[in-house]
């Protein structure tokens, strides 16, 4: 925790974006989360969570979500609700396909 990651995202209909979020939580086999900050704190922050839940029947449920805060969020609301959401959905589909191969 506290270390930075190198992350590159390419949401549909948006430019590729690279950033170095700070790791907040690493809970082996359960969750990882990080905080990305654009320029300065409270301008545009994204706290991203990737969570695995054991269903108790040999399967695992995956949940991905992000909480956006900061002054730019209202200006980027439509882009976040459309492009970013679609990017998450596409990523989830690929993860599902890869997980089901094994």
PDB file of N, CA and C in Angstrom:
ATOM      1  N   UNK A   1       0.837  -1.173   0.000  1.00  0.00           N
ATOM      2  CA  UNK A   1       0.000   0.000   0.000  1.00  0.00           C
ATOM      3  C   UNK A   1       0.887   1.243   0.000  1.00  0.00           C
ATOM      4  N   UNK A   2       0.355   2.305  -0.563  1.00  0.00           N
ATOM      5  CA  UNK A   2       1.099   3.549  -0.633  1.00  0.00           C
ATOM      6  C   UNK A   2       1.971   3.668  -1.861  1.00  0.00           C
ATOM      7  N   UNK A   3       2.195   2.559  -2.570  1.00  0.00           N
ATOM      8  CA  UNK A   3       3.004   2.605  -3.779  1.00  0.00           C
ATOM      9  C   UNK A   3       2.154   3.076  -4.949  1.00  0.00           C
ATOM     10  N   UNK A   4       2.816   3.505  -5.998  1.00  0.00           N
ATOM     11  CA  UNK A   4       2.110   3.971  -7.192  1.00  0.00           C
ATOM     12  C   UNK A   4       2.160   2.917  -8.282  1.00  0.00           C
ATOM     13  N   UNK A   5       1.090   2.847  -9.046  1.00  0.00           N
ATOM     14  CA  UNK A   5       0.974   1.958 -10.193  1.00  0.00           C
ATOM     15  C   UNK A   5       1.156   2.762 -11.471  1.00  0.00           C
ATOM     16  N   UNK A   6       1.467   2.082 -12.543  1.00  0.00           N
ATOM     17  CA  UNK A   6       1.457   2.688 -13.877  1.00  0.00           C
ATOM     18  C   UNK A   6       0.220   2.149 -14.579  1.00  0.00           C
ATOM     19  N   UNK A   7      -0.756   3.011 -14.840  1.00  0.00           N
ATOM     20  CA  UNK A   7      -2.033   2.602 -15.419  1.00  0.00           C
ATOM     21  C   UNK A   7      -2.271   3.379 -16.710  1.00  0.00           C
ATOM     22  N   UNK A   8      -2.716   2.678 -17.740  1.00  0.00           N
ATOM     23  CA  UNK A   8      -3.125   3.310 -18.993  1.00  0.00           C
ATOM     24  C   UNK A   8      -4.526   2.827 -19.315  1.00  0.00           C
ATOM     25  N   UNK A   9      -5.417   3.765 -19.585  1.00  0.00           N
ATOM     26  CA  UNK A   9      -6.788   3.425 -19.949  1.00  0.00           C
ATOM     27  C   UNK A   9      -7.096   3.983 -21.338  1.00  0.00           C
ATOM     28  N   UNK A  10      -7.992   3.312 -22.035  1.00  0.00           N
ATOM     29  CA  UNK A  10      -8.433   3.748 -23.364  1.00  0.00           C
ATOM     30  C   UNK A  10      -9.937   3.556 -23.479  1.00  0.00           C
ATOM     31  N   UNK A  11     -10.724   4.390 -22.793  1.00  0.00           N
ATOM     32  CA  UNK A  11     -12.178   4.242 -22.894  1.00  0.00           C
ATOM     33  C   UNK A  11     -12.656   4.478 -24.324  1.00  0.00           C
ATOM     34  N   UNK A  12     -13.765   3.857 -24.712  1.00  0.00           N
ATOM     35  CA  UNK A  12     -14.316   4.085 -26.054  1.00  0.00           C
ATOM     36  C   UNK A  12     -14.577   5.572 -26.292  1.00  0.00           C
ATOM     37  N   UNK A  13     -14.276   6.025 -27.485  1.00  0.00           N
ATOM     38  CA  UNK A  13     -14.507   7.411 -27.904  1.00  0.00           C
ATOM     39  C   UNK A  13     -13.772   8.438 -27.043  1.00  0.00           C
ATOM     40  N   UNK A  14     -12.636   8.030 -26.476  1.00  0.00           N
ATOM     41  CA  UNK A  14     -11.830   8.933 -25.655  1.00  0.00           C
ATOM     42  C   UNK A  14     -10.357   8.707 -25.958  1.00  0.00           C
ATOM     43  N   UNK A  15      -9.556   9.641 -25.562  1.00  0.00           N
ATOM     44  CA  UNK A  15      -8.115   9.527 -25.741  1.00  0.00           C
ATOM     45  C   UNK A  15      -7.530   8.552 -24.725  1.00  0.00           C
ATOM     46  N   UNK A  16      -6.406   7.947 -25.115  1.00  0.00           N
ATOM     47  CA  UNK A  16      -5.653   7.115 -24.183  1.00  0.00           C
ATOM     48  C   UNK A  16      -5.110   8.023 -23.084  1.00  0.00           C
ATOM     49  N   UNK A  17      -5.145   7.532 -21.853  1.00  0.00           N
ATOM     50  CA  UNK A  17      -4.712   8.327 -20.710  1.00  0.00           C
ATOM     51  C   UNK A  17      -3.850   7.456 -19.800  1.00  0.00           C
ATOM     52  N   UNK A  18      -2.667   7.944 -19.458  1.00  0.00           N
ATOM     53  CA  UNK A  18      -1.787   7.246 -18.529  1.00  0.00           C
ATOM     54  C   UNK A  18      -1.670   8.060 -17.247  1.00  0.00           C
ATOM     55  N   UNK A  19      -1.634   7.359 -16.124  1.00  0.00           N
ATOM     56  CA  UNK A  19      -1.515   8.039 -14.843  1.00  0.00           C
ATOM     57  C   UNK A  19      -0.902   7.088 -13.825  1.00  0.00           C
ATOM     58  N   UNK A  20      -0.536   7.604 -12.675  1.00  0.00           N
ATOM     59  CA  UNK A  20       0.127   6.827 -11.629  1.00  0.00           C
ATOM     60  C   UNK A  20      -0.629   6.928 -10.309  1.00  0.00           C
ATOM     61  N   UNK A  21      -1.715   6.154 -10.178  1.00  0.00           N
ATOM     62  CA  UNK A  21      -2.495   6.219  -8.949  1.00  0.00           C
ATOM     63  C   UNK A  21      -1.759   5.581  -7.770  1.00  0.00           C
ATOM     64  N   UNK A  22      -2.138   6.023  -6.583  1.00  0.00           N
ATOM     65  CA  UNK A  22      -1.571   5.504  -5.340  1.00  0.00           C
ATOM     66  C   UNK A  22      -2.429   4.340  -4.841  1.00  0.00           C
ATOM     67  N   UNK A  23      -1.779   3.225  -4.519  1.00  0.00           N
ATOM     68  CA  UNK A  23      -2.495   2.052  -4.014  1.00  0.00           C
ATOM     69  C   UNK A  23      -2.994   2.329  -2.596  1.00  0.00           C
ATOM     70  N   UNK A  24      -4.294   2.113  -2.386  1.00  0.00           N
ATOM     71  CA  UNK A  24      -4.915   2.317  -1.076  1.00  0.00           C
ATOM     72  C   UNK A  24      -5.108   1.012  -0.314  1.00  0.00           C
ATOM     73  N   UNK A  25      -5.577  -0.023  -1.012  1.00  0.00           N
ATOM     74  CA  UNK A  25      -5.881  -1.308  -0.382  1.00  0.00           C
ATOM     75  C   UNK A  25      -5.377  -2.440  -1.264  1.00  0.00           C
ATOM     76  N   UNK A  26      -4.693  -3.381  -0.646  1.00  0.00           N
ATOM     77  CA  UNK A  26      -4.369  -4.652  -1.293  1.00  0.00           C
ATOM     78  C   UNK A  26      -4.745  -5.732  -0.293  1.00  0.00           C
ATOM     79  N   UNK A  27      -5.799  -6.436  -0.603  1.00  0.00           N
ATOM     80  CA  UNK A  27      -6.274  -7.518   0.249  1.00  0.00           C
ATOM     81  C   UNK A  27      -6.275  -8.768  -0.623  1.00  0.00           C
ATOM     82  N   UNK A  28      -5.215  -9.566  -0.510  1.00  0.00           N
ATOM     83  CA  UNK A  28      -5.004 -10.721  -1.393  1.00  0.00           C
ATOM     84  C   UNK A  28      -6.287 -11.532  -1.563  1.00  0.00           C
ATOM     85  N   UNK A  29      -6.588 -11.817  -2.792  1.00  0.00           N
ATOM     86  CA  UNK A  29      -7.756 -12.623  -3.179  1.00  0.00           C
ATOM     87  C   UNK A  29      -9.097 -11.947  -2.915  1.00  0.00           C
ATOM     88  N   UNK A  30      -9.102 -10.672  -2.513  1.00  0.00           N
ATOM     89  CA  UNK A  30     -10.374 -10.014  -2.248  1.00  0.00           C
ATOM     90  C   UNK A  30     -10.524  -8.648  -2.884  1.00  0.00           C
ATOM     91  N   UNK A  31      -9.523  -7.778  -2.751  1.00  0.00           N
ATOM     92  CA  UNK A  31      -9.716  -6.404  -3.235  1.00  0.00           C
ATOM     93  C   UNK A  31      -8.389  -5.687  -3.460  1.00  0.00           C
ATOM     94  N   UNK A  32      -8.412  -4.822  -4.454  1.00  0.00           N
ATOM     95  CA  UNK A  32      -7.358  -3.837  -4.649  1.00  0.00           C
ATOM     96  C   UNK A  32      -8.064  -2.515  -4.966  1.00  0.00           C
ATOM     97  N   UNK A  33      -7.554  -1.447  -4.424  1.00  0.00           N
ATOM     98  CA  UNK A  33      -8.117  -0.137  -4.771  1.00  0.00           C
ATOM     99  C   UNK A  33      -6.988   0.875  -4.841  1.00  0.00           C
ATOM    100  N   UNK A  34      -7.240   1.905  -5.634  1.00  0.00           N
ATOM    101  CA  UNK A  34      -6.244   2.960  -5.783  1.00  0.00           C
ATOM    102  C   UNK A  34      -6.920   4.303  -5.940  1.00  0.00           C
ATOM    103  N   UNK A  35      -6.136   5.353  -5.737  1.00  0.00           N
ATOM    104  CA  UNK A  35      -6.620   6.723  -5.880  1.00  0.00           C
ATOM    105  C   UNK A  35      -5.799   7.435  -6.936  1.00  0.00           C
ATOM    106  N   UNK A  36      -6.487   7.871  -7.985  1.00  0.00           N
ATOM    107  CA  UNK A  36      -5.852   8.677  -9.015  1.00  0.00           C
ATOM    108  C   UNK A  36      -6.241  10.132  -8.825  1.00  0.00           C
ATOM    109  N   UNK A  37      -5.261  11.022  -8.943  1.00  0.00           N
ATOM    110  CA  UNK A  37      -5.490  12.457  -8.758  1.00  0.00           C
ATOM    111  C   UNK A  37      -4.990  13.180 -10.000  1.00  0.00           C
ATOM    112  N   UNK A  38      -5.837  14.006 -10.589  1.00  0.00           N
ATOM    113  CA  UNK A  38      -5.458  14.805 -11.749  1.00  0.00           C
ATOM    114  C   UNK A  38      -4.944  16.154 -11.272  1.00  0.00           C
ATOM    115  N   UNK A  39      -3.716  16.439 -11.584  1.00  0.00           N
ATOM    116  CA  UNK A  39      -3.029  17.683 -11.236  1.00  0.00           C
ATOM    117  C   UNK A  39      -2.889  17.876  -9.728  1.00  0.00           C
ATOM    118  N   UNK A  40      -3.958  18.276  -9.059  1.00  0.00           N
ATOM    119  CA  UNK A  40      -3.921  18.524  -7.621  1.00  0.00           C
ATOM    120  C   UNK A  40      -5.135  17.870  -6.976  1.00  0.00           C
ATOM    121  N   UNK A  41      -4.998  17.540  -5.689  1.00  0.00           N
ATOM    122  CA  UNK A  41      -6.118  16.948  -4.964  1.00  0.00           C
ATOM    123  C   UNK A  41      -7.352  17.850  -5.057  1.00  0.00           C
ATOM    124  N   UNK A  42      -8.492  17.235  -5.230  1.00  0.00           N
ATOM    125  CA  UNK A  42      -9.803  17.891  -5.296  1.00  0.00           C
ATOM    126  C   UNK A  42     -10.097  18.606  -6.615  1.00  0.00           C
ATOM    127  N   UNK A  43      -9.209  18.497  -7.605  1.00  0.00           N
ATOM    128  CA  UNK A  43      -9.526  18.971  -8.954  1.00  0.00           C
ATOM    129  C   UNK A  43     -10.347  17.875  -9.643  1.00  0.00           C
ATOM    130  N   UNK A  44      -9.766  16.666  -9.680  1.00  0.00           N
ATOM    131  CA  UNK A  44     -10.465  15.495 -10.212  1.00  0.00           C
ATOM    132  C   UNK A  44      -9.789  14.259  -9.631  1.00  0.00           C
ATOM    133  N   UNK A  45     -10.498  13.575  -8.752  1.00  0.00           N
ATOM    134  CA  UNK A  45      -9.971  12.374  -8.111  1.00  0.00           C
ATOM    135  C   UNK A  45     -10.849  11.190  -8.485  1.00  0.00           C
ATOM    136  N   UNK A  46     -10.220  10.042  -8.658  1.00  0.00           N
ATOM    137  CA  UNK A  46     -10.956   8.812  -8.906  1.00  0.00           C
ATOM    138  C   UNK A  46     -10.448   7.713  -7.996  1.00  0.00           C
ATOM    139  N   UNK A  47     -11.319   7.215  -7.140  1.00  0.00           N
ATOM    140  CA  UNK A  47     -10.966   6.096  -6.265  1.00  0.00           C
ATOM    141  C   UNK A  47     -11.573   4.841  -6.869  1.00  0.00           C
ATOM    142  N   UNK A  48     -10.704   3.975  -7.374  1.00  0.00           N
ATOM    143  CA  UNK A  48     -11.113   2.802  -8.144  1.00  0.00           C
ATOM    144  C   UNK A  48     -11.003   1.549  -7.279  1.00  0.00           C
ATOM    145  N   UNK A  49     -12.012   0.674  -7.377  1.00  0.00           N
ATOM    146  CA  UNK A  49     -12.045  -0.563  -6.595  1.00  0.00           C
ATOM    147  C   UNK A  49     -12.274  -1.759  -7.510  1.00  0.00           C
ATOM    148  N   UNK A  50     -11.500  -2.806  -7.293  1.00  0.00           N
ATOM    149  CA  UNK A  50     -11.682  -4.094  -7.947  1.00  0.00           C
ATOM    150  C   UNK A  50     -11.877  -5.101  -6.820  1.00  0.00           C
ATOM    151  N   UNK A  51     -13.057  -5.720  -6.755  1.00  0.00           N
ATOM    152  CA  UNK A  51     -13.416  -6.566  -5.619  1.00  0.00           C
ATOM    153  C   UNK A  51     -13.838  -7.958  -6.099  1.00  0.00           C
ATOM    154  N   UNK A  52     -13.307  -8.987  -5.438  1.00  0.00           N
ATOM    155  CA  UNK A  52     -13.685 -10.376  -5.701  1.00  0.00           C
ATOM    156  C   UNK A  52     -14.450 -10.914  -4.506  1.00  0.00           C
ATOM    157  N   UNK A  53     -15.583 -11.562  -4.771  1.00  0.00           N
ATOM    158  CA  UNK A  53     -16.383 -12.174  -3.702  1.00  0.00           C
ATOM    159  C   UNK A  53     -16.577 -13.651  -4.015  1.00  0.00           C
ATOM    160  N   UNK A  54     -16.173 -14.504  -3.081  1.00  0.00           N
ATOM    161  CA  UNK A  54     -16.362 -15.945  -3.215  1.00  0.00           C
ATOM    162  C   UNK A  54     -17.845 -16.248  -3.014  1.00  0.00           C
ATOM    163  N   UNK A  55     -18.455 -16.858  -4.016  1.00  0.00           N
ATOM    164  CA  UNK A  55     -19.882 -17.189  -3.935  1.00  0.00           C
ATOM    165  C   UNK A  55     -20.149 -18.449  -3.127  1.00  0.00           C
ATOM    166  N   UNK A  56     -19.095 -19.152  -2.713  1.00  0.00           N
ATOM    167  CA  UNK A  56     -19.264 -20.354  -1.905  1.00  0.00           C
ATOM    168  C   UNK A  56     -19.657 -21.593  -2.683  1.00  0.00           C
ATOM    169  N   UNK A  57     -19.708 -21.480  -4.005  1.00  0.00           N
ATOM    170  CA  UNK A  57     -20.092 -22.629  -4.833  1.00  0.00           C
ATOM    171  C   UNK A  57     -19.078 -22.909  -5.944  1.00  0.00           C
ATOM    172  N   UNK A  58     -17.838 -22.437  -5.727  1.00  0.00           N
ATOM    173  CA  UNK A  58     -16.795 -22.628  -6.734  1.00  0.00           C
ATOM    174  C   UNK A  58     -16.728 -21.512  -7.752  1.00  0.00           C
ATOM    175  N   UNK A  59     -17.572 -20.504  -7.601  1.00  0.00           N
ATOM    176  CA  UNK A  59     -17.544 -19.361  -8.505  1.00  0.00           C
ATOM    177  C   UNK A  59     -17.203 -18.096  -7.720  1.00  0.00           C
ATOM    178  N   UNK A  60     -16.807 -17.092  -8.454  1.00  0.00           N
ATOM    179  CA  UNK A  60     -16.430 -15.814  -7.844  1.00  0.00           C
ATOM    180  C   UNK A  60     -17.152 -14.688  -8.569  1.00  0.00           C
ATOM    181  N   UNK A  61     -17.665 -13.750  -7.803  1.00  0.00           N
ATOM    182  CA  UNK A  61     -18.300 -12.554  -8.372  1.00  0.00           C
ATOM    183  C   UNK A  61     -17.268 -11.432  -8.377  1.00  0.00           C
ATOM    184  N   UNK A  62     -17.200 -10.714  -9.480  1.00  0.00           N
ATOM    185  CA  UNK A  62     -16.278  -9.598  -9.636  1.00  0.00           C
ATOM    186  C   UNK A  62     -17.071  -8.308  -9.693  1.00  0.00           C
ATOM    187  N   UNK A  63     -16.631  -7.322  -8.944  1.00  0.00           N
ATOM    188  CA  UNK A  63     -17.275  -6.014  -8.963  1.00  0.00           C
ATOM    189  C   UNK A  63     -16.194  -4.952  -9.145  1.00  0.00           C
ATOM    190  N   UNK A  64     -16.453  -4.029 -10.039  1.00  0.00           N
ATOM    191  CA  UNK A  64     -15.545  -2.925 -10.304  1.00  0.00           C
ATOM    192  C   UNK A  64     -16.349  -1.636 -10.195  1.00  0.00           C
ATOM    193  N   UNK A  65     -15.825  -0.684  -9.434  1.00  0.00           N
ATOM    194  CA  UNK A  65     -16.512   0.601  -9.347  1.00  0.00           C
ATOM    195  C   UNK A  65     -15.514   1.704  -9.039  1.00  0.00           C
ATOM    196  N   UNK A  66     -15.935   2.914  -9.313  1.00  0.00           N
ATOM    197  CA  UNK A  66     -15.083   4.066  -9.072  1.00  0.00           C
ATOM    198  C   UNK A  66     -15.924   5.215  -8.540  1.00  0.00           C
ATOM    199  N   UNK A  67     -15.379   5.897  -7.554  1.00  0.00           N
ATOM    200  CA  UNK A  67     -16.015   7.086  -7.001  1.00  0.00           C
ATOM    201  C   UNK A  67     -15.202   8.294  -7.449  1.00  0.00           C
ATOM    202  N   UNK A  68     -15.850   9.192  -8.172  1.00  0.00           N
ATOM    203  CA  UNK A  68     -15.180  10.395  -8.655  1.00  0.00           C
ATOM    204  C   UNK A  68     -15.565  11.576  -7.780  1.00  0.00           C
ATOM    205  N   UNK A  69     -14.575  12.386  -7.431  1.00  0.00           N
ATOM    206  CA  UNK A  69     -14.805  13.599  -6.663  1.00  0.00           C
ATOM    207  C   UNK A  69     -13.940  14.715  -7.223  1.00  0.00           C
ATOM    208  N   UNK A  70     -14.293  15.932  -6.894  1.00  0.00           N
ATOM    209  CA  UNK A  70     -13.491  17.077  -7.307  1.00  0.00           C
ATOM    210  C   UNK A  70     -14.280  18.072  -8.144  1.00  0.00           C
ATOM    211  N   UNK A  71     -13.668  19.217  -8.353  1.00  0.00           N
ATOM    212  CA  UNK A  71     -14.332  20.328  -9.035  1.00  0.00           C
ATOM    213  C   UNK A  71     -14.685  20.033 -10.489  1.00  0.00           C
ATOM    214  N   UNK A  72     -13.927  19.169 -11.168  1.00  0.00           N
ATOM    215  CA  UNK A  72     -14.185  18.897 -12.588  1.00  0.00           C
ATOM    216  C   UNK A  72     -15.266  17.838 -12.830  1.00  0.00           C
ATOM    217  N   UNK A  73     -15.676  17.135 -11.792  1.00  0.00           N
ATOM    218  CA  UNK A  73     -16.649  16.042 -11.969  1.00  0.00           C
ATOM    219  C   UNK A  73     -17.931  16.519 -12.655  1.00  0.00           C
ATOM    220  N   UNK A  74     -18.542  17.630 -12.238  1.00  0.00           N
ATOM    221  CA  UNK A  74     -19.767  18.058 -12.931  1.00  0.00           C
ATOM    222  C   UNK A  74     -19.543  18.347 -14.422  1.00  0.00           C
ATOM    223  N   UNK A  75     -18.373  18.856 -14.767  1.00  0.00           N
ATOM    224  CA  UNK A  75     -18.082  19.161 -16.170  1.00  0.00           C
ATOM    225  C   UNK A  75     -17.860  17.896 -17.001  1.00  0.00           C
ATOM    226  N   UNK A  76     -17.409  16.833 -16.364  1.00  0.00           N
ATOM    227  CA  UNK A  76     -17.101  15.585 -17.059  1.00  0.00           C
ATOM    228  C   UNK A  76     -18.162  14.509 -16.861  1.00  0.00           C
ATOM    229  N   UNK A  77     -19.274  14.868 -16.239  1.00  0.00           N
ATOM    230  CA  UNK A  77     -20.303  13.897 -15.857  1.00  0.00           C
ATOM    231  C   UNK A  77     -20.757  13.019 -17.024  1.00  0.00           C
ATOM    232  N   UNK A  78     -21.093  13.609 -18.149  1.00  0.00           N
ATOM    233  CA  UNK A  78     -21.584  12.840 -19.291  1.00  0.00           C
ATOM    234  C   UNK A  78     -20.507  11.890 -19.804  1.00  0.00           C
ATOM    235  N   UNK A  79     -19.291  12.372 -19.926  1.00  0.00           N
ATOM    236  CA  UNK A  79     -18.187  11.540 -20.402  1.00  0.00           C
ATOM    237  C   UNK A  79     -17.962  10.362 -19.452  1.00  0.00           C
ATOM    238  N   UNK A  80     -18.033  10.616 -18.161  1.00  0.00           N
ATOM    239  CA  UNK A  80     -17.838   9.553 -17.173  1.00  0.00           C
ATOM    240  C   UNK A  80     -18.972   8.531 -17.242  1.00  0.00           C
ATOM    241  N   UNK A  81     -20.200   9.012 -17.379  1.00  0.00           N
ATOM    242  CA  UNK A  81     -21.355   8.114 -17.398  1.00  0.00           C
ATOM    243  C   UNK A  81     -21.438   7.291 -18.674  1.00  0.00           C
ATOM    244  N   UNK A  82     -20.890   7.799 -19.761  1.00  0.00           N
ATOM    245  CA  UNK A  82     -20.985   7.075 -21.032  1.00  0.00           C
ATOM    246  C   UNK A  82     -19.673   6.352 -21.347  1.00  0.00           C
ATOM    247  N   UNK A  83     -18.610   7.091 -21.623  1.00  0.00           N
ATOM    248  CA  UNK A  83     -17.352   6.488 -22.073  1.00  0.00           C
ATOM    249  C   UNK A  83     -16.662   5.657 -20.990  1.00  0.00           C
ATOM    250  N   UNK A  84     -16.544   6.226 -19.813  1.00  0.00           N
ATOM    251  CA  UNK A  84     -15.849   5.513 -18.740  1.00  0.00           C
ATOM    252  C   UNK A  84     -16.623   4.262 -18.346  1.00  0.00           C
ATOM    253  N   UNK A  85     -17.926   4.381 -18.220  1.00  0.00           N
ATOM    254  CA  UNK A  85     -18.756   3.219 -17.873  1.00  0.00           C
ATOM    255  C   UNK A  85     -18.612   2.129 -18.929  1.00  0.00           C
ATOM    256  N   UNK A  86     -18.657   2.507 -20.206  1.00  0.00           N
ATOM    257  CA  UNK A  86     -18.523   1.530 -21.291  1.00  0.00           C
ATOM    258  C   UNK A  86     -17.154   0.858 -21.245  1.00  0.00           C
ATOM    259  N   UNK A  87     -16.111   1.638 -20.935  1.00  0.00           N
ATOM    260  CA  UNK A  87     -14.773   1.067 -20.803  1.00  0.00           C
ATOM    261  C   UNK A  87     -14.706   0.028 -19.700  1.00  0.00           C
ATOM    262  N   UNK A  88     -15.343   0.304 -18.556  1.00  0.00           N
ATOM    263  CA  UNK A  88     -15.393  -0.660 -17.457  1.00  0.00           C
ATOM    264  C   UNK A  88     -16.122  -1.929 -17.900  1.00  0.00           C
ATOM    265  N   UNK A  89     -17.239  -1.762 -18.598  1.00  0.00           N
ATOM    266  CA  UNK A  89     -18.015  -2.915 -19.056  1.00  0.00           C
ATOM    267  C   UNK A  89     -17.207  -3.786 -20.014  1.00  0.00           C
ATOM    268  N   UNK A  90     -16.482  -3.157 -20.948  1.00  0.00           N
ATOM    269  CA  UNK A  90     -15.651  -3.906 -21.892  1.00  0.00           C
ATOM    270  C   UNK A  90     -14.528  -4.642 -21.162  1.00  0.00           C
ATOM    271  N   UNK A  91     -13.904  -3.974 -20.199  1.00  0.00           N
ATOM    272  CA  UNK A  91     -12.854  -4.617 -19.410  1.00  0.00           C
ATOM    273  C   UNK A  91     -13.408  -5.818 -18.655  1.00  0.00           C
ATOM    274  N   UNK A  92     -14.589  -5.669 -18.072  1.00  0.00           N
ATOM    275  CA  UNK A  92     -15.211  -6.766 -17.328  1.00  0.00           C
ATOM    276  C   UNK A  92     -15.495  -7.961 -18.230  1.00  0.00           C
ATOM    277  N   UNK A  93     -15.930  -7.718 -19.463  1.00  0.00           N
ATOM    278  CA  UNK A  93     -16.200  -8.797 -20.413  1.00  0.00           C
ATOM    279  C   UNK A  93     -14.930  -9.578 -20.724  1.00  0.00           C
ATOM    280  N   UNK A  94     -13.832  -8.860 -20.963  1.00  0.00           N
ATOM    281  CA  UNK A  94     -12.558  -9.519 -21.270  1.00  0.00           C
ATOM    282  C   UNK A  94     -12.055 -10.308 -20.067  1.00  0.00           C
ATOM    283  N   UNK A  95     -12.156  -9.737 -18.876  1.00  0.00           N
ATOM    284  CA  UNK A  95     -11.751 -10.450 -17.665  1.00  0.00           C
ATOM    285  C   UNK A  95     -12.559 -11.727 -17.486  1.00  0.00           C
ATOM    286  N   UNK A  96     -13.857 -11.656 -17.742  1.00  0.00           N
ATOM    287  CA  UNK A  96     -14.736 -12.818 -17.615  1.00  0.00           C
ATOM    288  C   UNK A  96     -14.296 -13.926 -18.575  1.00  0.00           C
ATOM    289  N   UNK A  97     -14.034 -13.549 -19.838  1.00  0.00           N
ATOM    290  CA  UNK A  97     -13.591 -14.522 -20.832  1.00  0.00           C
ATOM    291  C   UNK A  97     -12.283 -15.172 -20.411  1.00  0.00           C
ATOM    292  N   UNK A  98     -11.332 -14.371 -19.927  1.00  0.00           N
ATOM    293  CA  UNK A  98     -10.044 -14.919 -19.499  1.00  0.00           C
ATOM    294  C   UNK A  98     -10.201 -15.843 -18.291  1.00  0.00           C
ATOM    295  N   UNK A  99     -11.019 -15.444 -17.337  1.00  0.00           N
ATOM    296  CA  UNK A  99     -11.219 -16.254 -16.136  1.00  0.00           C
ATOM    297  C   UNK A  99     -11.897 -17.578 -16.464  1.00  0.00           C
ATOM    298  N   UNK A 100     -12.808 -17.573 -17.422  1.00  0.00           N
ATOM    299  CA  UNK A 100     -13.543 -18.787 -17.758  1.00  0.00           C
ATOM    300  C   UNK A 100     -12.738 -19.759 -18.613  1.00  0.00           C
ATOM    301  N   UNK A 101     -11.616 -19.280 -19.179  1.00  0.00           N
ATOM    302  CA  UNK A 101     -10.743 -20.162 -19.940  1.00  0.00           C
ATOM    303  C   UNK A 101     -10.047 -21.170 -19.035  1.00  0.00           C
ATOM    304  N   UNK A 102      -9.822 -20.766 -17.804  1.00  0.00           N
ATOM    305  CA  UNK A 102      -9.063 -21.627 -16.876  1.00  0.00           C
ATOM    306  C   UNK A 102      -9.985 -22.561 -16.196  1.00  0.00           C
TER     307      UNK A 102
END
